Amino acid sequence: MAKFQDAGLGDIAASWMGSDANLPVSGDQLQQALGGDTLNNLAQGSGTDGPGLASQLATMLPTLIDQFTPAGGVDGDGMPDLGAITGLLSKFIKT
């Protein structure tokens, strides 16, 4: 959650864990929050590049986090391990 808050996206990420509608996020916003290096590393095994992966994740991540947090949150810092989630997704994303 800290990376999203630092990037000014805390309200967006929090919406994914609540019972209200999930706010949208863009690939550019995800790239800003997660960092280009992180996305490029994840993209290496997915057949796409960092910006392409960010765009695909922007479509899936809000719903995925919403599903991982049915009670509106998780233990610890209040956010699922985004690295683990995006790593899992990168195994399935092919362009």
C-alpha atoms as a PDB file:
ATOM      1  CA  MET A   1       0.000   0.000   0.000  1.00  0.00           C
ATOM      2  CA  ALA A   2       2.903   2.338   0.727  1.00  0.00           C
ATOM      3  CA  LYS A   3       4.043   2.383  -2.912  1.00  0.00           C
ATOM      4  CA  PHE A   4       0.574   3.357  -4.032  1.00  0.00           C
ATOM      5  CA  GLN A   5       0.287   6.016  -1.335  1.00  0.00           C
ATOM      6  CA  ASP A   6       3.708   7.418  -2.244  1.00  0.00           C
ATOM      7  CA  ALA A   7       2.564   7.667  -5.867  1.00  0.00           C
ATOM      8  CA  GLY A   8      -0.655   9.446  -4.834  1.00  0.00           C
ATOM      9  CA  LEU A   9      -2.775   6.384  -5.568  1.00  0.00           C
ATOM     10  CA  GLY A  10      -3.707   5.375  -2.025  1.00  0.00           C
ATOM     11  CA  ASP A  11      -7.422   6.069  -2.521  1.00  0.00           C
ATOM     12  CA  ILE A  12      -7.459   4.014  -5.710  1.00  0.00           C
ATOM     13  CA  ALA A  13      -5.749   1.011  -4.101  1.00  0.00           C
ATOM     14  CA  ALA A  14      -7.967   1.276  -1.013  1.00  0.00           C
ATOM     15  CA  SER A  15     -11.063   1.112  -3.222  1.00  0.00           C
ATOM     16  CA  TRP A  16      -9.978  -2.313  -4.451  1.00  0.00           C
ATOM     17  CA  MET A  17     -10.169  -3.658  -0.899  1.00  0.00           C
ATOM     18  CA  GLY A  18     -13.475  -2.081   0.089  1.00  0.00           C
ATOM     19  CA  SER A  19     -17.035  -3.019  -0.713  1.00  0.00           C
ATOM     20  CA  ASP A  20     -17.615  -0.026  -2.998  1.00  0.00           C
ATOM     21  CA  ALA A  21     -16.824   0.022  -6.707  1.00  0.00           C
ATOM     22  CA  ASN A  22     -13.182  -0.441  -7.688  1.00  0.00           C
ATOM     23  CA  LEU A  23     -11.632   2.772  -8.949  1.00  0.00           C
ATOM     24  CA  PRO A  24      -9.747   2.373 -12.242  1.00  0.00           C
ATOM     25  CA  VAL A  25      -5.989   2.636 -12.575  1.00  0.00           C
ATOM     26  CA  SER A  26      -3.964   3.189 -15.733  1.00  0.00           C
ATOM     27  CA  GLY A  27      -0.859   1.389 -16.870  1.00  0.00           C
ATOM     28  CA  ASP A  28       1.086   4.630 -16.469  1.00  0.00           C
ATOM     29  CA  GLN A  29      -0.100   4.954 -12.869  1.00  0.00           C
ATOM     30  CA  LEU A  30       0.935   1.374 -12.111  1.00  0.00           C
ATOM     31  CA  GLN A  31       4.318   1.994 -13.678  1.00  0.00           C
ATOM     32  CA  GLN A  32       4.726   5.072 -11.485  1.00  0.00           C
ATOM     33  CA  ALA A  33       3.709   3.194  -8.320  1.00  0.00           C
ATOM     34  CA  LEU A  34       5.551  -0.081  -8.881  1.00  0.00           C
ATOM     35  CA  GLY A  35       8.532   1.252 -10.799  1.00  0.00           C
ATOM     36  CA  GLY A  36       9.702   0.520 -14.298  1.00  0.00           C
ATOM     37  CA  ASP A  37      12.418  -1.889 -13.153  1.00  0.00           C
ATOM     38  CA  THR A  38       9.916  -4.015 -11.219  1.00  0.00           C
ATOM     39  CA  LEU A  39       7.559  -4.202 -14.176  1.00  0.00           C
ATOM     40  CA  ASN A  40      10.358  -4.915 -16.643  1.00  0.00           C
ATOM     41  CA  ASN A  41      11.622  -7.763 -14.443  1.00  0.00           C
ATOM     42  CA  LEU A  42       8.139  -9.258 -14.192  1.00  0.00           C
ATOM     43  CA  ALA A  43       7.541  -8.796 -17.906  1.00  0.00           C
ATOM     44  CA  GLN A  44      10.641 -10.760 -18.933  1.00  0.00           C
ATOM     45  CA  GLY A  45       8.861 -14.073 -18.459  1.00  0.00           C
ATOM     46  CA  SER A  46       5.517 -12.952 -19.829  1.00  0.00           C
ATOM     47  CA  GLY A  47       6.324 -12.222 -23.455  1.00  0.00           C
ATOM     48  CA  THR A  48       5.707  -8.496 -23.146  1.00  0.00           C
ATOM     49  CA  ASP A  49       7.535  -5.390 -21.969  1.00  0.00           C
ATOM     50  CA  GLY A  50       7.081  -3.364 -18.779  1.00  0.00           C
ATOM     51  CA  PRO A  51       4.573  -0.865 -20.202  1.00  0.00           C
ATOM     52  CA  GLY A  52       2.612  -3.672 -21.867  1.00  0.00           C
ATOM     53  CA  LEU A  53       2.460  -5.615 -18.615  1.00  0.00           C
ATOM     54  CA  ALA A  54       1.418  -2.465 -16.730  1.00  0.00           C
ATOM     55  CA  SER A  55      -1.461  -1.976 -19.153  1.00  0.00           C
ATOM     56  CA  GLN A  56      -2.604  -5.572 -18.728  1.00  0.00           C
ATOM     57  CA  LEU A  57      -2.269  -5.391 -14.943  1.00  0.00           C
ATOM     58  CA  ALA A  58      -4.291  -2.173 -14.867  1.00  0.00           C
ATOM     59  CA  THR A  59      -7.202  -4.194 -16.198  1.00  0.00           C
ATOM     60  CA  MET A  60      -6.795  -7.177 -13.859  1.00  0.00           C
ATOM     61  CA  LEU A  61      -5.202  -5.935 -10.628  1.00  0.00           C
ATOM     62  CA  PRO A  62      -8.214  -4.084  -9.152  1.00  0.00           C
ATOM     63  CA  THR A  63     -10.437  -7.160  -9.480  1.00  0.00           C
ATOM     64  CA  LEU A  64      -7.707  -9.519  -8.334  1.00  0.00           C
ATOM     65  CA  ILE A  65      -6.955  -7.530  -5.177  1.00  0.00           C
ATOM     66  CA  ASP A  66     -10.677  -7.174  -4.537  1.00  0.00           C
ATOM     67  CA  GLN A  67     -10.957 -10.977  -4.686  1.00  0.00           C
ATOM     68  CA  PHE A  68      -7.890 -11.463  -2.438  1.00  0.00           C
ATOM     69  CA  THR A  69      -9.373  -9.132   0.194  1.00  0.00           C
ATOM     70  CA  PRO A  70     -13.003 -10.214   0.622  1.00  0.00           C
ATOM     71  CA  ALA A  71     -13.154  -8.781   4.157  1.00  0.00           C
ATOM     72  CA  GLY A  72     -11.753  -5.433   3.020  1.00  0.00           C
ATOM     73  CA  GLY A  73      -8.133  -5.904   4.074  1.00  0.00           C
ATOM     74  CA  VAL A  74      -5.309  -8.242   4.969  1.00  0.00           C
ATOM     75  CA  ASP A  75      -2.880  -8.588   7.842  1.00  0.00           C
ATOM     76  CA  GLY A  76       0.365  -6.644   8.008  1.00  0.00           C
ATOM     77  CA  ASP A  77       0.587  -3.431   6.031  1.00  0.00           C
ATOM     78  CA  GLY A  78      -2.956  -3.692   4.719  1.00  0.00           C
ATOM     79  CA  MET A  79      -2.079  -4.750   1.190  1.00  0.00           C
ATOM     80  CA  PRO A  80      -1.506  -8.150  -0.395  1.00  0.00           C
ATOM     81  CA  ASP A  81       1.995  -8.889  -1.632  1.00  0.00           C
ATOM     82  CA  LEU A  82       1.804  -7.137  -5.005  1.00  0.00           C
ATOM     83  CA  GLY A  83       5.034  -8.770  -6.129  1.00  0.00           C
ATOM     84  CA  ALA A  84       3.539 -12.202  -5.564  1.00  0.00           C
ATOM     85  CA  ILE A  85       0.307 -11.266  -7.295  1.00  0.00           C
ATOM     86  CA  THR A  86       1.989  -9.695 -10.308  1.00  0.00           C
ATOM     87  CA  GLY A  87       4.444 -12.587 -10.463  1.00  0.00           C
ATOM     88  CA  LEU A  88       1.547 -15.002 -10.593  1.00  0.00           C
ATOM     89  CA  LEU A  89      -0.191 -12.938 -13.242  1.00  0.00           C
ATOM     90  CA  SER A  90       2.933 -12.680 -15.374  1.00  0.00           C
ATOM     91  CA  LYS A  91       2.917 -16.469 -15.732  1.00  0.00           C
ATOM     92  CA  PHE A  92      -0.459 -16.250 -17.432  1.00  0.00           C
ATOM     93  CA  ILE A  93      -0.081 -13.069 -19.467  1.00  0.00           C
ATOM     94  CA  LYS A  94       1.001 -13.616 -23.033  1.00  0.00           C
ATOM     95  CA  THR A  95       0.729 -11.109 -25.850  1.00  0.00           C
END
